[in-house]
C-alpha atoms as a PDB file:
ATOM      1  CA  MET A   1      83.635  49.805 180.210  1.00  0.00           C
ATOM      2  CA  THR A   2      84.190  50.209 183.901  1.00  0.00           C
ATOM      3  CA  ASP A   3      80.729  51.164 185.179  1.00  0.00           C
ATOM      4  CA  SER A   4      78.246  48.284 185.471  1.00  0.00           C
ATOM      5  CA  THR A   5      75.216  50.364 186.277  1.00  0.00           C
ATOM      6  CA  LEU A   6      72.131  50.111 183.983  1.00  0.00           C
ATOM      7  CA  VAL A   7      72.083  53.954 183.358  1.00  0.00           C
ATOM      8  CA  PHE A   8      74.806  56.553 184.065  1.00  0.00           C
ATOM      9  CA  ARG A   9      75.785  60.045 183.029  1.00  0.00           C
ATOM     10  CA  GLY A  10      78.416  60.424 180.297  1.00  0.00           C
ATOM     11  CA  GLN A  11      79.874  63.090 177.969  1.00  0.00           C
ATOM     12  CA  GLY A  12      78.626  63.356 174.448  1.00  0.00           C
ATOM     13  CA  ARG A  13      79.631  65.317 171.259  1.00  0.00           C
ATOM     14  CA  ALA A  14      77.652  68.391 172.439  1.00  0.00           C
ATOM     15  CA  GLY A  15      77.455  67.993 176.151  1.00  0.00           C
ATOM     16  CA  ARG A  16      76.043  65.640 178.574  1.00  0.00           C
ATOM     17  CA  ARG A  17      74.387  62.256 177.785  1.00  0.00           C
ATOM     18  CA  LEU A  18      72.729  59.420 179.661  1.00  0.00           C
ATOM     19  CA  VAL A  19      74.219  56.113 178.738  1.00  0.00           C
ATOM     20  CA  VAL A  20      72.193  52.821 179.015  1.00  0.00           C
ATOM     21  CA  ASN A  21      74.240  49.601 179.163  1.00  0.00           C
ATOM     22  CA  PHE A  22      71.464  47.885 177.405  1.00  0.00           C
ATOM     23  CA  GLY A  23      73.351  45.028 175.991  1.00  0.00           C
ATOM     24  CA  VAL A  24      75.060  44.166 179.268  1.00  0.00           C
ATOM     25  CA  TYR A  25      71.768  43.657 180.936  1.00  0.00           C
ATOM     26  CA  SER A  26      69.728  42.231 178.026  1.00  0.00           C
ATOM     27  CA  GLY A  27      72.142  40.290 175.958  1.00  0.00           C
ATOM     28  CA  ARG A  28      70.921  41.897 172.759  1.00  0.00           C
ATOM     29  CA  GLU A  29      70.473  45.349 171.044  1.00  0.00           C
ATOM     30  CA  ALA A  30      67.426  47.559 171.652  1.00  0.00           C
ATOM     31  CA  THR A  31      64.857  47.239 168.944  1.00  0.00           C
ATOM     32  CA  GLU A  32      63.670  50.142 166.880  1.00  0.00           C
ATOM     33  CA  ALA A  33      60.235  49.911 168.571  1.00  0.00           C
ATOM     34  CA  GLU A  34      61.845  50.090 172.038  1.00  0.00           C
ATOM     35  CA  ILE A  35      63.990  53.118 170.964  1.00  0.00           C
ATOM     36  CA  TYR A  36      60.685  54.947 169.838  1.00  0.00           C
ATOM     37  CA  ARG A  37      59.021  53.945 173.133  1.00  0.00           C
ATOM     38  CA  LEU A  38      61.913  55.604 174.972  1.00  0.00           C
ATOM     39  CA  ALA A  39      61.577  58.699 172.747  1.00  0.00           C
ATOM     40  CA  GLN A  40      57.853  58.803 173.560  1.00  0.00           C
ATOM     41  CA  SER A  41      58.465  58.545 177.307  1.00  0.00           C
ATOM     42  CA  LEU A  42      60.953  61.579 177.159  1.00  0.00           C
ATOM     43  CA  LEU A  43      59.039  63.903 174.893  1.00  0.00           C
ATOM     44  CA  ASP A  44      56.991  65.466 177.808  1.00  0.00           C
ATOM     45  CA  GLU A  45      59.993  66.201 179.784  1.00  0.00           C
ATOM     46  CA  LEU A  46      62.314  67.317 176.924  1.00  0.00           C
ATOM     47  CA  GLY A  47      60.097  68.580 173.990  1.00  0.00           C
ATOM     48  CA  SER A  48      62.379  66.895 171.415  1.00  0.00           C
ATOM     49  CA  VAL A  49      64.932  64.079 172.038  1.00  0.00           C
ATOM     50  CA  GLU A  50      68.074  62.638 170.360  1.00  0.00           C
ATOM     51  CA  ILE A  51      68.833  59.004 171.015  1.00  0.00           C
ATOM     52  CA  VAL A  52      71.749  56.945 169.679  1.00  0.00           C
ATOM     53  CA  ALA A  53      71.773  53.189 169.744  1.00  0.00           C
ATOM     54  CA  GLU A  54      75.227  51.928 169.032  1.00  0.00           C
ATOM     55  CA  ARG A  55      77.164  48.625 168.701  1.00  0.00           C
ATOM     56  CA  ARG A  56      80.742  49.126 169.776  1.00  0.00           C
ATOM     57  CA  TYR A  57      83.612  46.589 169.419  1.00  0.00           C
ATOM     58  CA  GLU A  58      86.261  46.574 172.103  1.00  0.00           C
ATOM     59  CA  VAL A  59      89.285  44.462 171.152  1.00  0.00           C
ATOM     60  CA  ASP A  60      92.716  43.912 172.653  1.00  0.00           C
ATOM     61  CA  PRO A  61      95.119  40.953 172.474  1.00  0.00           C
ATOM     62  CA  ASP A  62      93.363  39.093 175.211  1.00  0.00           C
ATOM     63  CA  VAL A  63      89.551  39.882 174.874  1.00  0.00           C
ATOM     64  CA  GLU A  64      87.119  40.754 172.233  1.00  0.00           C
ATOM     65  CA  ALA A  65      83.705  42.288 173.264  1.00  0.00           C
ATOM     66  CA  THR A  66      80.712  43.612 171.595  1.00  0.00           C
ATOM     67  CA  VAL A  67      78.889  46.405 173.634  1.00  0.00           C
ATOM     68  CA  HIS A  68      75.269  47.604 172.837  1.00  0.00           C
ATOM     69  CA  GLN A  69      74.615  50.947 174.362  1.00  0.00           C
ATOM     70  CA  VAL A  70      71.809  53.514 173.958  1.00  0.00           C
ATOM     71  CA  TYR A  71      72.540  57.246 174.565  1.00  0.00           C
ATOM     72  CA  VAL A  72      70.094  59.875 175.302  1.00  0.00           C
ATOM     73  CA  GLU A  73      71.573  63.337 174.497  1.00  0.00           C
ATOM     74  CA  VAL A  74      70.718  65.712 177.367  1.00  0.00           C
ATOM     75  CA  PRO A  75      69.992  69.246 175.938  1.00  0.00           C
ATOM     76  CA  GLN A  76      71.191  72.310 177.852  1.00  0.00           C
ATOM     77  CA  THR A  77      67.629  73.141 178.755  1.00  0.00           C
ATOM     78  CA  ALA A  78      67.368  69.819 180.758  1.00  0.00           C
ATOM     79  CA  ILE A  79      70.495  70.390 182.796  1.00  0.00           C
ATOM     80  CA  GLY A  80      69.430  70.174 186.410  1.00  0.00           C
ATOM     81  CA  ARG A  81      66.645  67.585 185.619  1.00  0.00           C
ATOM     82  CA  GLU A  82      69.021  64.676 184.990  1.00  0.00           C
ATOM     83  CA  GLU A  83      67.641  62.514 188.020  1.00  0.00           C
ATOM     84  CA  ARG A  84      64.204  62.748 186.651  1.00  0.00           C
ATOM     85  CA  LEU A  85      65.561  61.692 183.225  1.00  0.00           C
ATOM     86  CA  ILE A  86      67.629  58.864 184.638  1.00  0.00           C
ATOM     87  CA  SER A  87      64.506  57.635 186.389  1.00  0.00           C
ATOM     88  CA  LEU A  88      62.421  57.692 183.089  1.00  0.00           C
ATOM     89  CA  VAL A  89      65.320  56.009 181.184  1.00  0.00           C
ATOM     90  CA  GLU A  90      65.708  53.344 183.882  1.00  0.00           C
ATOM     91  CA  ASP A  91      62.086  52.553 183.849  1.00  0.00           C
ATOM     92  CA  TRP A  92      62.158  52.174 180.022  1.00  0.00           C
ATOM     93  CA  ALA A  93      65.287  49.965 180.154  1.00  0.00           C
ATOM     94  CA  GLU A  94      63.942  47.715 182.937  1.00  0.00           C
ATOM     95  CA  ASP A  95      60.616  47.380 181.053  1.00  0.00           C
ATOM     96  CA  ALA A  96      62.297  46.574 177.695  1.00  0.00           C
ATOM     97  CA  ILE A  97      64.622  44.057 179.202  1.00  0.00           C
ATOM     98  CA  GLY A  98      61.949  42.396 181.340  1.00  0.00           C
ATOM     99  CA  GLU A  99      59.487  42.264 178.539  1.00  0.00           C
ATOM    100  CA  ARG A 100      61.728  40.025 176.385  1.00  0.00           C
ATOM    101  CA  ARG A 101      62.686  37.804 179.374  1.00  0.00           C
ATOM    102  CA  ASN A 102      59.086  36.652 179.661  1.00  0.00           C
ATOM    103  CA  ILE A 103      58.769  35.379 176.149  1.00  0.00           C
ATOM    104  CA  VAL A 104      58.631  31.596 176.069  1.00  0.00           C
ATOM    105  CA  PRO A 105      59.529  29.831 172.801  1.00  0.00           C
END
């Protein structure tokens, strides 16, 4: 992983996707409730949405890392509106990450 931004454009199976480096900033995976909240925030803009939450293991002889990422698949009908989508996804990520930081045991 070379890009340290919270949300960036990437390539998916069927085209473009927005990638959220969720675990890098939160230290955890996104919850199911948070994923559904993201979907709800994107429905007005997209009509339907495909979101993938993934745990990826990156291992070489010197380093082992677990990466938690969330992908929003960008449909062809949304090409050209990616800046708006990035803004919505960033707002969601910042809210989800910040919400759990405020919890006191």
